[in-house]
């Protein structure tokens, strides 16, 4: 049997709400983060994240971060992000049939360089060396989804058209 020293962690979540005025969403988020970082008044959610491995080394070590300790690679299922999403792209007949994203969110960008005889020449893009390709995006992230429920036009905007 081998001896291993393993450093484990978990996230304890705290929250704070900020009200800011800004011209854009990005500016509002920047302001809110800066304002929250300057405040000592945070509330606990009384919840914690999963336990994950920060570091591991073979042997009995007092300090896994010491220069003389050789850390081992941590398998992704034990890491904080659990290895990120698992993406399966199903291709049949040279065409993407389905993109399945599990265990997280992702934006998948596919560059198809098999463009000879394409029926969509107006959609061709070029990579940095000038080679043409067709680009397809697949995502399960909310911010990448089309707005299927746009806000109805207000009476003021209808009259100003």
C-alpha atoms as a PDB file:
ATOM      1  CA  UNK A   1       0.000   0.000   0.000  1.00  0.00           C
ATOM      2  CA  UNK A   2       1.175   3.524  -0.797  1.00  0.00           C
ATOM      3  CA  UNK A   3       0.736   6.613   1.347  1.00  0.00           C
ATOM      4  CA  UNK A   4      -0.740   9.774  -0.182  1.00  0.00           C
ATOM      5  CA  UNK A   5      -1.244  13.255   1.222  1.00  0.00           C
ATOM      6  CA  UNK A   6      -4.370  14.891  -0.194  1.00  0.00           C
ATOM      7  CA  UNK A   7      -5.464  18.511   0.326  1.00  0.00           C
ATOM      8  CA  UNK A   8      -9.244  18.879   0.038  1.00  0.00           C
ATOM      9  CA  UNK A   9     -11.460  21.959  -0.109  1.00  0.00           C
ATOM     10  CA  UNK A  10     -15.050  23.006  -0.473  1.00  0.00           C
ATOM     11  CA  UNK A  11     -16.619  26.339  -1.296  1.00  0.00           C
ATOM     12  CA  UNK A  12     -18.706  28.119   1.334  1.00  0.00           C
ATOM     13  CA  UNK A  13     -21.063  30.513  -0.421  1.00  0.00           C
ATOM     14  CA  UNK A  14     -21.803  34.070   0.640  1.00  0.00           C
ATOM     15  CA  UNK A  15     -23.894  36.626  -1.166  1.00  0.00           C
ATOM     16  CA  UNK A  16     -24.446  40.335  -1.336  1.00  0.00           C
ATOM     17  CA  UNK A  17     -26.883  42.305  -3.453  1.00  0.00           C
ATOM     18  CA  UNK A  18     -25.851  45.603  -4.991  1.00  0.00           C
ATOM     19  CA  UNK A  19     -27.941  48.200  -6.804  1.00  0.00           C
ATOM     20  CA  UNK A  20     -26.003  50.112  -9.450  1.00  0.00           C
ATOM     21  CA  UNK A  21     -26.739  52.427 -12.346  1.00  0.00           C
ATOM     22  CA  UNK A  22     -24.856  51.834 -15.578  1.00  0.00           C
ATOM     23  CA  UNK A  23     -25.147  52.234 -19.321  1.00  0.00           C
ATOM     24  CA  UNK A  24     -24.603  48.552 -20.124  1.00  0.00           C
ATOM     25  CA  UNK A  25     -24.866  45.177 -18.457  1.00  0.00           C
ATOM     26  CA  UNK A  26     -21.054  44.788 -18.467  1.00  0.00           C
ATOM     27  CA  UNK A  27     -20.622  48.163 -16.739  1.00  0.00           C
ATOM     28  CA  UNK A  28     -23.291  47.253 -14.173  1.00  0.00           C
ATOM     29  CA  UNK A  29     -21.578  43.952 -13.379  1.00  0.00           C
ATOM     30  CA  UNK A  30     -18.157  45.623 -13.087  1.00  0.00           C
ATOM     31  CA  UNK A  31     -19.603  48.223 -10.713  1.00  0.00           C
ATOM     32  CA  UNK A  32     -21.467  45.643  -8.629  1.00  0.00           C
ATOM     33  CA  UNK A  33     -18.377  43.447  -8.221  1.00  0.00           C
ATOM     34  CA  UNK A  34     -16.207  46.431  -7.243  1.00  0.00           C
ATOM     35  CA  UNK A  35     -18.817  47.717  -4.785  1.00  0.00           C
ATOM     36  CA  UNK A  36     -19.309  44.271  -3.226  1.00  0.00           C
ATOM     37  CA  UNK A  37     -15.563  43.696  -2.908  1.00  0.00           C
ATOM     38  CA  UNK A  38     -15.310  46.907  -0.870  1.00  0.00           C
ATOM     39  CA  UNK A  39     -18.014  45.807   1.573  1.00  0.00           C
ATOM     40  CA  UNK A  40     -17.484  43.691   4.702  1.00  0.00           C
ATOM     41  CA  UNK A  41     -21.242  42.981   4.917  1.00  0.00           C
ATOM     42  CA  UNK A  42     -21.908  39.656   3.237  1.00  0.00           C
ATOM     43  CA  UNK A  43     -24.533  37.044   4.184  1.00  0.00           C
ATOM     44  CA  UNK A  44     -23.974  33.314   4.295  1.00  0.00           C
ATOM     45  CA  UNK A  45     -26.199  31.093   2.188  1.00  0.00           C
ATOM     46  CA  UNK A  46     -25.535  28.291   4.693  1.00  0.00           C
ATOM     47  CA  UNK A  47     -24.722  25.993   1.789  1.00  0.00           C
ATOM     48  CA  UNK A  48     -21.454  24.589   0.562  1.00  0.00           C
ATOM     49  CA  UNK A  49     -20.162  23.213  -2.685  1.00  0.00           C
ATOM     50  CA  UNK A  50     -18.852  19.743  -3.372  1.00  0.00           C
ATOM     51  CA  UNK A  51     -15.590  18.595  -1.819  1.00  0.00           C
ATOM     52  CA  UNK A  52     -12.755  18.667  -4.350  1.00  0.00           C
ATOM     53  CA  UNK A  53      -9.028  17.948  -4.425  1.00  0.00           C
ATOM     54  CA  UNK A  54      -6.612  20.907  -4.481  1.00  0.00           C
ATOM     55  CA  UNK A  55      -3.393  18.917  -4.436  1.00  0.00           C
ATOM     56  CA  UNK A  56      -2.109  15.375  -3.973  1.00  0.00           C
ATOM     57  CA  UNK A  57       1.337  13.840  -3.639  1.00  0.00           C
ATOM     58  CA  UNK A  58       2.671  10.421  -2.854  1.00  0.00           C
ATOM     59  CA  UNK A  59       4.058  10.169   0.684  1.00  0.00           C
ATOM     60  CA  UNK A  60       3.354  11.836   4.020  1.00  0.00           C
ATOM     61  CA  UNK A  61       3.901  15.587   3.523  1.00  0.00           C
ATOM     62  CA  UNK A  62       3.283  18.487   5.861  1.00  0.00           C
ATOM     63  CA  UNK A  63       3.128  21.049   3.027  1.00  0.00           C
ATOM     64  CA  UNK A  64       1.945  19.935  -0.404  1.00  0.00           C
ATOM     65  CA  UNK A  65       3.011  23.315  -1.821  1.00  0.00           C
ATOM     66  CA  UNK A  66       6.665  23.048  -0.739  1.00  0.00           C
ATOM     67  CA  UNK A  67       9.244  23.201  -3.534  1.00  0.00           C
ATOM     68  CA  UNK A  68      10.505  19.683  -2.803  1.00  0.00           C
ATOM     69  CA  UNK A  69       7.048  18.051  -3.136  1.00  0.00           C
ATOM     70  CA  UNK A  70       6.117  16.634  -6.528  1.00  0.00           C
ATOM     71  CA  UNK A  71       2.364  16.954  -6.891  1.00  0.00           C
ATOM     72  CA  UNK A  72       0.460  14.370  -8.891  1.00  0.00           C
ATOM     73  CA  UNK A  73      -2.067  15.147 -11.612  1.00  0.00           C
ATOM     74  CA  UNK A  74      -5.616  15.242 -10.252  1.00  0.00           C
ATOM     75  CA  UNK A  75      -8.186  13.260 -12.266  1.00  0.00           C
ATOM     76  CA  UNK A  76     -10.814  15.702 -13.547  1.00  0.00           C
ATOM     77  CA  UNK A  77     -13.702  14.101 -11.651  1.00  0.00           C
ATOM     78  CA  UNK A  78     -11.997  15.181  -8.387  1.00  0.00           C
ATOM     79  CA  UNK A  79     -11.242  18.760  -9.496  1.00  0.00           C
ATOM     80  CA  UNK A  80     -13.287  21.795  -8.529  1.00  0.00           C
ATOM     81  CA  UNK A  81     -14.992  22.100 -11.910  1.00  0.00           C
ATOM     82  CA  UNK A  82     -15.389  18.312 -12.198  1.00  0.00           C
ATOM     83  CA  UNK A  83     -13.663  18.405 -15.579  1.00  0.00           C
ATOM     84  CA  UNK A  84     -16.151  20.676 -17.273  1.00  0.00           C
ATOM     85  CA  UNK A  85     -18.808  19.660 -19.731  1.00  0.00           C
ATOM     86  CA  UNK A  86     -18.861  16.465 -21.754  1.00  0.00           C
ATOM     87  CA  UNK A  87     -19.667  17.224 -25.391  1.00  0.00           C
ATOM     88  CA  UNK A  88     -20.737  14.604 -27.931  1.00  0.00           C
ATOM     89  CA  UNK A  89     -21.061  15.663 -31.571  1.00  0.00           C
ATOM     90  CA  UNK A  90     -22.929  13.213 -33.795  1.00  0.00           C
ATOM     91  CA  UNK A  91     -21.979  13.391 -37.478  1.00  0.00           C
ATOM     92  CA  UNK A  92     -23.627  11.386 -40.257  1.00  0.00           C
ATOM     93  CA  UNK A  93     -23.120  11.858 -43.979  1.00  0.00           C
ATOM     94  CA  UNK A  94     -20.629  14.630 -43.306  1.00  0.00           C
ATOM     95  CA  UNK A  95     -23.241  16.732 -41.462  1.00  0.00           C
ATOM     96  CA  UNK A  96     -23.644  17.442 -37.775  1.00  0.00           C
ATOM     97  CA  UNK A  97     -26.845  15.727 -36.714  1.00  0.00           C
ATOM     98  CA  UNK A  98     -26.800  16.476 -32.989  1.00  0.00           C
ATOM     99  CA  UNK A  99     -24.698  18.127 -30.282  1.00  0.00           C
ATOM    100  CA  UNK A 100     -25.228  16.824 -26.742  1.00  0.00           C
ATOM    101  CA  UNK A 101     -23.740  18.850 -23.867  1.00  0.00           C
ATOM    102  CA  UNK A 102     -23.732  17.235 -20.408  1.00  0.00           C
ATOM    103  CA  UNK A 103     -22.264  18.198 -17.014  1.00  0.00           C
ATOM    104  CA  UNK A 104     -22.134  21.935 -17.542  1.00  0.00           C
ATOM    105  CA  UNK A 105     -22.657  24.646 -20.076  1.00  0.00           C
ATOM    106  CA  UNK A 106     -20.655  25.180 -23.232  1.00  0.00           C
ATOM    107  CA  UNK A 107     -20.493  27.009 -26.511  1.00  0.00           C
ATOM    108  CA  UNK A 108     -19.352  24.575 -29.213  1.00  0.00           C
ATOM    109  CA  UNK A 109     -17.989  26.113 -32.404  1.00  0.00           C
ATOM    110  CA  UNK A 110     -17.520  23.788 -35.373  1.00  0.00           C
ATOM    111  CA  UNK A 111     -15.424  24.740 -38.408  1.00  0.00           C
ATOM    112  CA  UNK A 112     -16.284  22.566 -41.421  1.00  0.00           C
ATOM    113  CA  UNK A 113     -13.506  22.726 -44.005  1.00  0.00           C
ATOM    114  CA  UNK A 114     -15.310  20.379 -46.412  1.00  0.00           C
ATOM    115  CA  UNK A 115     -16.784  23.294 -48.368  1.00  0.00           C
ATOM    116  CA  UNK A 116     -16.462  22.128 -51.970  1.00  0.00           C
ATOM    117  CA  UNK A 117     -19.834  22.421 -53.684  1.00  0.00           C
ATOM    118  CA  UNK A 118     -21.488  24.023 -50.659  1.00  0.00           C
ATOM    119  CA  UNK A 119     -25.018  25.244 -51.178  1.00  0.00           C
ATOM    120  CA  UNK A 120     -24.282  28.162 -48.831  1.00  0.00           C
ATOM    121  CA  UNK A 121     -21.309  30.036 -50.373  1.00  0.00           C
ATOM    122  CA  UNK A 122     -22.524  33.269 -48.745  1.00  0.00           C
ATOM    123  CA  UNK A 123     -21.904  31.663 -45.332  1.00  0.00           C
ATOM    124  CA  UNK A 124     -18.257  30.801 -45.971  1.00  0.00           C
ATOM    125  CA  UNK A 125     -15.783  32.326 -43.554  1.00  0.00           C
ATOM    126  CA  UNK A 126     -11.999  32.306 -43.706  1.00  0.00           C
ATOM    127  CA  UNK A 127      -9.515  31.318 -41.049  1.00  0.00           C
ATOM    128  CA  UNK A 128      -6.322  33.364 -40.471  1.00  0.00           C
ATOM    129  CA  UNK A 129      -4.473  31.598 -43.296  1.00  0.00           C
ATOM    130  CA  UNK A 130      -7.360  32.249 -45.726  1.00  0.00           C
ATOM    131  CA  UNK A 131      -8.802  28.735 -45.880  1.00  0.00           C
ATOM    132  CA  UNK A 132     -12.606  28.811 -46.268  1.00  0.00           C
ATOM    133  CA  UNK A 133     -14.877  27.048 -43.784  1.00  0.00           C
ATOM    134  CA  UNK A 134     -18.499  26.884 -42.718  1.00  0.00           C
ATOM    135  CA  UNK A 135     -19.066  27.786 -39.074  1.00  0.00           C
ATOM    136  CA  UNK A 136     -21.753  26.257 -36.873  1.00  0.00           C
ATOM    137  CA  UNK A 137     -22.488  27.150 -33.251  1.00  0.00           C
ATOM    138  CA  UNK A 138     -24.206  24.924 -30.699  1.00  0.00           C
ATOM    139  CA  UNK A 139     -24.831  25.975 -27.111  1.00  0.00           C
ATOM    140  CA  UNK A 140     -26.803  25.232 -23.984  1.00  0.00           C
ATOM    141  CA  UNK A 141     -25.854  28.535 -22.324  1.00  0.00           C
ATOM    142  CA  UNK A 142     -28.745  30.949 -21.776  1.00  0.00           C
ATOM    143  CA  UNK A 143     -26.810  33.927 -23.138  1.00  0.00           C
ATOM    144  CA  UNK A 144     -26.261  32.113 -26.456  1.00  0.00           C
ATOM    145  CA  UNK A 145     -29.917  31.257 -27.024  1.00  0.00           C
ATOM    146  CA  UNK A 146     -32.126  33.390 -29.268  1.00  0.00           C
ATOM    147  CA  UNK A 147     -34.704  35.532 -27.523  1.00  0.00           C
ATOM    148  CA  UNK A 148     -37.881  33.619 -28.366  1.00  0.00           C
ATOM    149  CA  UNK A 149     -40.007  35.919 -26.213  1.00  0.00           C
ATOM    150  CA  UNK A 150     -39.022  39.449 -27.165  1.00  0.00           C
ATOM    151  CA  UNK A 151     -40.690  42.215 -25.225  1.00  0.00           C
ATOM    152  CA  UNK A 152     -43.699  43.564 -27.097  1.00  0.00           C
ATOM    153  CA  UNK A 153     -43.324  46.985 -28.634  1.00  0.00           C
ATOM    154  CA  UNK A 154     -44.498  49.701 -26.321  1.00  0.00           C
ATOM    155  CA  UNK A 155     -47.124  52.168 -27.482  1.00  0.00           C
ATOM    156  CA  UNK A 156     -44.486  54.905 -27.587  1.00  0.00           C
ATOM    157  CA  UNK A 157     -42.170  52.946 -29.869  1.00  0.00           C
ATOM    158  CA  UNK A 158     -45.017  51.853 -32.156  1.00  0.00           C
ATOM    159  CA  UNK A 159     -46.077  55.434 -32.704  1.00  0.00           C
ATOM    160  CA  UNK A 160     -42.552  56.653 -33.409  1.00  0.00           C
ATOM    161  CA  UNK A 161     -41.847  54.248 -36.268  1.00  0.00           C
END
